[in-house]
Amino acid sequence: MKLTINGEIREIPDNISIEELINILGIKAPNYAVAVGMEVVPKSEYRTWCLREGDKVEIVTFVGGG
């Protein structure tokens, strides 16, 4: 299926969760947030939130600094 991830259209396997997407993308950052459409998804739902064809996903990582 095709998803738009951070503004880039990507081909991703069908019927995957946000957690599986994070693993596919290789995101290792300890702190990140995910929004699907305009809705921020709670981390507690990453394993059960099933992505659908055409979803727009934004993944934001947080970097500490001063």
PDB file of N, CA and C in Angstrom:
ATOM      1  N   MET A   1       0.848  -1.178   0.000  1.00  0.00           N
ATOM      2  CA  MET A   1       0.000   0.000   0.000  1.00  0.00           C
ATOM      3  C   MET A   1       0.891   1.237   0.000  1.00  0.00           C
ATOM      4  N   LYS A   2       0.330   2.349  -0.436  1.00  0.00           N
ATOM      5  CA  LYS A   2       1.073   3.607  -0.463  1.00  0.00           C
ATOM      6  C   LYS A   2       0.649   4.490   0.705  1.00  0.00           C
ATOM      7  N   LEU A   3       1.671   4.972   1.414  1.00  0.00           N
ATOM      8  CA  LEU A   3       1.467   5.925   2.499  1.00  0.00           C
ATOM      9  C   LEU A   3       2.318   7.146   2.206  1.00  0.00           C
ATOM     10  N   THR A   4       1.897   8.292   2.702  1.00  0.00           N
ATOM     11  CA  THR A   4       2.739   9.476   2.660  1.00  0.00           C
ATOM     12  C   THR A   4       3.362   9.603   4.046  1.00  0.00           C
ATOM     13  N   ILE A   5       4.690   9.457   4.087  1.00  0.00           N
ATOM     14  CA  ILE A   5       5.407   9.491   5.360  1.00  0.00           C
ATOM     15  C   ILE A   5       6.323  10.700   5.353  1.00  0.00           C
ATOM     16  N   ASN A   6       6.038  11.651   6.231  1.00  0.00           N
ATOM     17  CA  ASN A   6       6.794  12.906   6.305  1.00  0.00           C
ATOM     18  C   ASN A   6       6.915  13.555   4.921  1.00  0.00           C
ATOM     19  N   GLY A   7       5.795  13.554   4.197  1.00  0.00           N
ATOM     20  CA  GLY A   7       5.732  14.227   2.902  1.00  0.00           C
ATOM     21  C   GLY A   7       6.227  13.412   1.724  1.00  0.00           C
ATOM     22  N   GLU A   8       6.712  12.197   1.949  1.00  0.00           N
ATOM     23  CA  GLU A   8       7.238  11.352   0.877  1.00  0.00           C
ATOM     24  C   GLU A   8       6.344  10.128   0.703  1.00  0.00           C
ATOM     25  N   ILE A   9       5.924   9.861  -0.538  1.00  0.00           N
ATOM     26  CA  ILE A   9       5.094   8.681  -0.798  1.00  0.00           C
ATOM     27  C   ILE A   9       5.985   7.450  -0.769  1.00  0.00           C
ATOM     28  N   ARG A  10       5.577   6.471   0.046  1.00  0.00           N
ATOM     29  CA  ARG A  10       6.355   5.236   0.203  1.00  0.00           C
ATOM     30  C   ARG A  10       5.441   4.035   0.017  1.00  0.00           C
ATOM     31  N   GLU A  11       5.984   2.984  -0.541  1.00  0.00           N
ATOM     32  CA  GLU A  11       5.275   1.710  -0.686  1.00  0.00           C
ATOM     33  C   GLU A  11       5.606   0.869   0.551  1.00  0.00           C
ATOM     34  N   ILE A  12       4.567   0.481   1.282  1.00  0.00           N
ATOM     35  CA  ILE A  12       4.704  -0.228   2.547  1.00  0.00           C
ATOM     36  C   ILE A  12       3.813  -1.464   2.492  1.00  0.00           C
ATOM     37  N   PRO A  13       4.202  -2.575   3.144  1.00  0.00           N
ATOM     38  CA  PRO A  13       3.327  -3.764   3.164  1.00  0.00           C
ATOM     39  C   PRO A  13       1.933  -3.439   3.708  1.00  0.00           C
ATOM     40  N   ASP A  14       0.937  -4.158   3.217  1.00  0.00           N
ATOM     41  CA  ASP A  14      -0.449  -3.974   3.667  1.00  0.00           C
ATOM     42  C   ASP A  14      -0.632  -4.404   5.119  1.00  0.00           C
ATOM     43  N   ASN A  15      -1.657  -3.838   5.736  1.00  0.00           N
ATOM     44  CA  ASN A  15      -2.120  -4.256   7.069  1.00  0.00           C
ATOM     45  C   ASN A  15      -1.019  -4.239   8.122  1.00  0.00           C
ATOM     46  N   ILE A  16      -0.324  -3.123   8.233  1.00  0.00           N
ATOM     47  CA  ILE A  16       0.689  -3.024   9.281  1.00  0.00           C
ATOM     48  C   ILE A  16       0.267  -1.982  10.310  1.00  0.00           C
ATOM     49  N   SER A  17       0.811  -2.148  11.491  1.00  0.00           N
ATOM     50  CA  SER A  17       0.546  -1.202  12.573  1.00  0.00           C
ATOM     51  C   SER A  17       1.604  -0.105  12.553  1.00  0.00           C
ATOM     52  N   ILE A  18       1.379   0.926  13.342  1.00  0.00           N
ATOM     53  CA  ILE A  18       2.380   1.987  13.477  1.00  0.00           C
ATOM     54  C   ILE A  18       3.676   1.393  14.026  1.00  0.00           C
ATOM     55  N   GLU A  19       3.575   0.508  15.006  1.00  0.00           N
ATOM     56  CA  GLU A  19       4.772  -0.120  15.572  1.00  0.00           C
ATOM     57  C   GLU A  19       5.574  -0.852  14.497  1.00  0.00           C
ATOM     58  N   GLU A  20       4.894  -1.576  13.634  1.00  0.00           N
ATOM     59  CA  GLU A  20       5.578  -2.293  12.549  1.00  0.00           C
ATOM     60  C   GLU A  20       6.207  -1.315  11.560  1.00  0.00           C
ATOM     61  N   LEU A  21       5.516  -0.209  11.280  1.00  0.00           N
ATOM     62  CA  LEU A  21       6.073   0.807  10.386  1.00  0.00           C
ATOM     63  C   LEU A  21       7.358   1.384  10.961  1.00  0.00           C
ATOM     64  N   ILE A  22       7.363   1.686  12.241  1.00  0.00           N
ATOM     65  CA  ILE A  22       8.557   2.225  12.898  1.00  0.00           C
ATOM     66  C   ILE A  22       9.722   1.249  12.745  1.00  0.00           C
ATOM     67  N   ASN A  23       9.438  -0.045  12.915  1.00  0.00           N
ATOM     68  CA  ASN A  23      10.476  -1.057  12.757  1.00  0.00           C
ATOM     69  C   ASN A  23      10.972  -1.130  11.312  1.00  0.00           C
ATOM     70  N   ILE A  24      10.067  -1.089  10.340  1.00  0.00           N
ATOM     71  CA  ILE A  24      10.443  -1.118   8.922  1.00  0.00           C
ATOM     72  C   ILE A  24      11.329   0.076   8.586  1.00  0.00           C
ATOM     73  N   LEU A  25      10.976   1.231   9.112  1.00  0.00           N
ATOM     74  CA  LEU A  25      11.739   2.446   8.820  1.00  0.00           C
ATOM     75  C   LEU A  25      13.057   2.501   9.590  1.00  0.00           C
ATOM     76  N   GLY A  26      13.221   1.628  10.578  1.00  0.00           N
ATOM     77  CA  GLY A  26      14.461   1.579  11.337  1.00  0.00           C
ATOM     78  C   GLY A  26      14.652   2.748  12.289  1.00  0.00           C
ATOM     79  N   ILE A  27      13.559   3.300  12.776  1.00  0.00           N
ATOM     80  CA  ILE A  27      13.655   4.435  13.702  1.00  0.00           C
ATOM     81  C   ILE A  27      14.088   3.914  15.064  1.00  0.00           C
ATOM     82  N   LYS A  28      15.210   4.408  15.538  1.00  0.00           N
ATOM     83  CA  LYS A  28      15.774   3.968  16.813  1.00  0.00           C
ATOM     84  C   LYS A  28      15.719   5.057  17.880  1.00  0.00           C
ATOM     85  N   ALA A  29      15.240   6.236  17.519  1.00  0.00           N
ATOM     86  CA  ALA A  29      15.187   7.346  18.469  1.00  0.00           C
ATOM     87  C   ALA A  29      14.335   6.948  19.674  1.00  0.00           C
ATOM     88  N   PRO A  30      14.803   7.270  20.875  1.00  0.00           N
ATOM     89  CA  PRO A  30      14.028   6.894  22.057  1.00  0.00           C
ATOM     90  C   PRO A  30      12.747   7.709  22.219  1.00  0.00           C
ATOM     91  N   ASN A  31      12.716   8.905  21.676  1.00  0.00           N
ATOM     92  CA  ASN A  31      11.547   9.780  21.825  1.00  0.00           C
ATOM     93  C   ASN A  31      11.072  10.229  20.451  1.00  0.00           C
ATOM     94  N   TYR A  32       9.854   9.849  20.126  1.00  0.00           N
ATOM     95  CA  TYR A  32       9.257  10.271  18.864  1.00  0.00           C
ATOM     96  C   TYR A  32       7.741  10.294  19.028  1.00  0.00           C
ATOM     97  N   ALA A  33       7.097  11.014  18.133  1.00  0.00           N
ATOM     98  CA  ALA A  33       5.638  11.081  18.124  1.00  0.00           C
ATOM     99  C   ALA A  33       5.159  10.783  16.712  1.00  0.00           C
ATOM    100  N   VAL A  34       3.965  10.214  16.621  1.00  0.00           N
ATOM    101  CA  VAL A  34       3.392   9.843  15.325  1.00  0.00           C
ATOM    102  C   VAL A  34       1.992  10.444  15.218  1.00  0.00           C
ATOM    103  N   ALA A  35       1.729  11.050  14.071  1.00  0.00           N
ATOM    104  CA  ALA A  35       0.382  11.536  13.763  1.00  0.00           C
ATOM    105  C   ALA A  35      -0.070  10.873  12.470  1.00  0.00           C
ATOM    106  N   VAL A  36      -1.322  10.481  12.426  1.00  0.00           N
ATOM    107  CA  VAL A  36      -1.923   9.938  11.212  1.00  0.00           C
ATOM    108  C   VAL A  36      -3.038  10.894  10.846  1.00  0.00           C
ATOM    109  N   GLY A  37      -2.933  11.460   9.655  1.00  0.00           N
ATOM    110  CA  GLY A  37      -3.840  12.544   9.307  1.00  0.00           C
ATOM    111  C   GLY A  37      -3.499  13.723  10.200  1.00  0.00           C
ATOM    112  N   MET A  38      -4.444  14.241  10.882  1.00  0.00           N
ATOM    113  CA  MET A  38      -4.196  15.352  11.804  1.00  0.00           C
ATOM    114  C   MET A  38      -4.306  14.899  13.253  1.00  0.00           C
ATOM    115  N   GLU A  39      -4.330  13.586  13.479  1.00  0.00           N
ATOM    116  CA  GLU A  39      -4.524  13.051  14.826  1.00  0.00           C
ATOM    117  C   GLU A  39      -3.226  12.476  15.380  1.00  0.00           C
ATOM    118  N   VAL A  40      -2.787  13.005  16.505  1.00  0.00           N
ATOM    119  CA  VAL A  40      -1.623  12.451  17.192  1.00  0.00           C
ATOM    120  C   VAL A  40      -2.063  11.140  17.846  1.00  0.00           C
ATOM    121  N   VAL A  41      -1.302  10.090  17.573  1.00  0.00           N
ATOM    122  CA  VAL A  41      -1.651   8.763  18.084  1.00  0.00           C
ATOM    123  C   VAL A  41      -0.905   8.517  19.398  1.00  0.00           C
ATOM    124  N   PRO A  42      -1.620   8.145  20.458  1.00  0.00           N
ATOM    125  CA  PRO A  42      -0.946   7.832  21.722  1.00  0.00           C
ATOM    126  C   PRO A  42      -0.026   6.619  21.552  1.00  0.00           C
ATOM    127  N   LYS A  43       1.129   6.645  22.204  1.00  0.00           N
ATOM    128  CA  LYS A  43       2.076   5.524  22.104  1.00  0.00           C
ATOM    129  C   LYS A  43       1.429   4.200  22.487  1.00  0.00           C
ATOM    130  N   SER A  44       0.480   4.239  23.383  1.00  0.00           N
ATOM    131  CA  SER A  44      -0.186   3.010  23.822  1.00  0.00           C
ATOM    132  C   SER A  44      -0.967   2.341  22.689  1.00  0.00           C
ATOM    133  N   GLU A  45      -1.214   3.071  21.587  1.00  0.00           N
ATOM    134  CA  GLU A  45      -1.979   2.521  20.468  1.00  0.00           C
ATOM    135  C   GLU A  45      -1.108   2.155  19.260  1.00  0.00           C
ATOM    136  N   TYR A  46       0.206   2.347  19.340  1.00  0.00           N
ATOM    137  CA  TYR A  46       1.085   2.060  18.200  1.00  0.00           C
ATOM    138  C   TYR A  46       0.977   0.613  17.741  1.00  0.00           C
ATOM    139  N   ARG A  47       0.832  -0.313  18.665  1.00  0.00           N
ATOM    140  CA  ARG A  47       0.777  -1.731  18.314  1.00  0.00           C
ATOM    141  C   ARG A  47      -0.546  -2.110  17.647  1.00  0.00           C
ATOM    142  N   THR A  48      -1.624  -1.420  17.977  1.00  0.00           N
ATOM    143  CA  THR A  48      -2.945  -1.816  17.480  1.00  0.00           C
ATOM    144  C   THR A  48      -3.488  -0.921  16.374  1.00  0.00           C
ATOM    145  N   TRP A  49      -2.902   0.249  16.158  1.00  0.00           N
ATOM    146  CA  TRP A  49      -3.390   1.185  15.142  1.00  0.00           C
ATOM    147  C   TRP A  49      -2.997   0.659  13.760  1.00  0.00           C
ATOM    148  N   CYS A  50      -3.971   0.233  12.978  1.00  0.00           N
ATOM    149  CA  CYS A  50      -3.714  -0.325  11.646  1.00  0.00           C
ATOM    150  C   CYS A  50      -3.735   0.803  10.603  1.00  0.00           C
ATOM    151  N   LEU A  51      -2.647   0.906   9.866  1.00  0.00           N
ATOM    152  CA  LEU A  51      -2.555   1.936   8.834  1.00  0.00           C
ATOM    153  C   LEU A  51      -3.315   1.494   7.591  1.00  0.00           C
ATOM    154  N   ARG A  52      -3.812   2.477   6.831  1.00  0.00           N
ATOM    155  CA  ARG A  52      -4.621   2.202   5.637  1.00  0.00           C
ATOM    156  C   ARG A  52      -4.035   2.902   4.423  1.00  0.00           C
ATOM    157  N   GLU A  53      -4.329   2.354   3.268  1.00  0.00           N
ATOM    158  CA  GLU A  53      -3.903   2.934   1.996  1.00  0.00           C
ATOM    159  C   GLU A  53      -4.204   4.430   1.976  1.00  0.00           C
ATOM    160  N   GLY A  54      -3.202   5.219   1.622  1.00  0.00           N
ATOM    161  CA  GLY A  54      -3.387   6.652   1.485  1.00  0.00           C
ATOM    162  C   GLY A  54      -3.208   7.465   2.758  1.00  0.00           C
ATOM    163  N   ASP A  55      -2.985   6.798   3.896  1.00  0.00           N
ATOM    164  CA  ASP A  55      -2.784   7.548   5.142  1.00  0.00           C
ATOM    165  C   ASP A  55      -1.589   8.489   5.018  1.00  0.00           C
ATOM    166  N   LYS A  56      -1.699   9.638   5.669  1.00  0.00           N
ATOM    167  CA  LYS A  56      -0.596  10.594   5.757  1.00  0.00           C
ATOM    168  C   LYS A  56      -0.037  10.506   7.168  1.00  0.00           C
ATOM    169  N   VAL A  57       1.205  10.046   7.250  1.00  0.00           N
ATOM    170  CA  VAL A  57       1.845   9.784   8.535  1.00  0.00           C
ATOM    171  C   VAL A  57       2.977  10.786   8.736  1.00  0.00           C
ATOM    172  N   GLU A  58       2.994  11.404   9.887  1.00  0.00           N
ATOM    173  CA  GLU A  58       4.102  12.292  10.256  1.00  0.00           C
ATOM    174  C   GLU A  58       4.777  11.692  11.476  1.00  0.00           C
ATOM    175  N   ILE A  59       6.092  11.537  11.387  1.00  0.00           N
ATOM    176  CA  ILE A  59       6.872  11.003  12.496  1.00  0.00           C
ATOM    177  C   ILE A  59       7.887  12.077  12.879  1.00  0.00           C
ATOM    178  N   VAL A  60       7.827  12.474  14.134  1.00  0.00           N
ATOM    179  CA  VAL A  60       8.697  13.538  14.616  1.00  0.00           C
ATOM    180  C   VAL A  60       9.554  12.977  15.734  1.00  0.00           C
ATOM    181  N   THR A  61      10.873  13.149  15.616  1.00  0.00           N
ATOM    182  CA  THR A  61      11.779  12.751  16.696  1.00  0.00           C
ATOM    183  C   THR A  61      12.199  13.975  17.476  1.00  0.00           C
ATOM    184  N   PHE A  62      12.473  13.782  18.731  1.00  0.00           N
ATOM    185  CA  PHE A  62      12.852  14.880  19.607  1.00  0.00           C
ATOM    186  C   PHE A  62      14.338  14.803  19.909  1.00  0.00           C
ATOM    187  N   VAL A  63      14.987  15.937  19.829  1.00  0.00           N
ATOM    188  CA  VAL A  63      16.420  16.019  20.082  1.00  0.00           C
ATOM    189  C   VAL A  63      16.643  17.011  21.212  1.00  0.00           C
ATOM    190  N   GLY A  64      17.387  16.579  22.206  1.00  0.00           N
ATOM    191  CA  GLY A  64      17.693  17.461  23.326  1.00  0.00           C
ATOM    192  C   GLY A  64      18.833  18.407  22.962  1.00  0.00           C
ATOM    193  N   GLY A  65      18.905  19.472  23.640  1.00  0.00           N
ATOM    194  CA  GLY A  65      19.970  20.428  23.379  1.00  0.00           C
ATOM    195  C   GLY A  65      19.786  21.672  24.230  1.00  0.00           C
ATOM    196  N   GLY A  66      20.657  22.599  23.996  1.00  0.00           N
ATOM    197  CA  GLY A  66      20.547  23.783  24.822  1.00  0.00           C
ATOM    198  C   GLY A  66      20.758  25.001  24.096  1.00  0.00           C
TER     199      GLY A  66
END
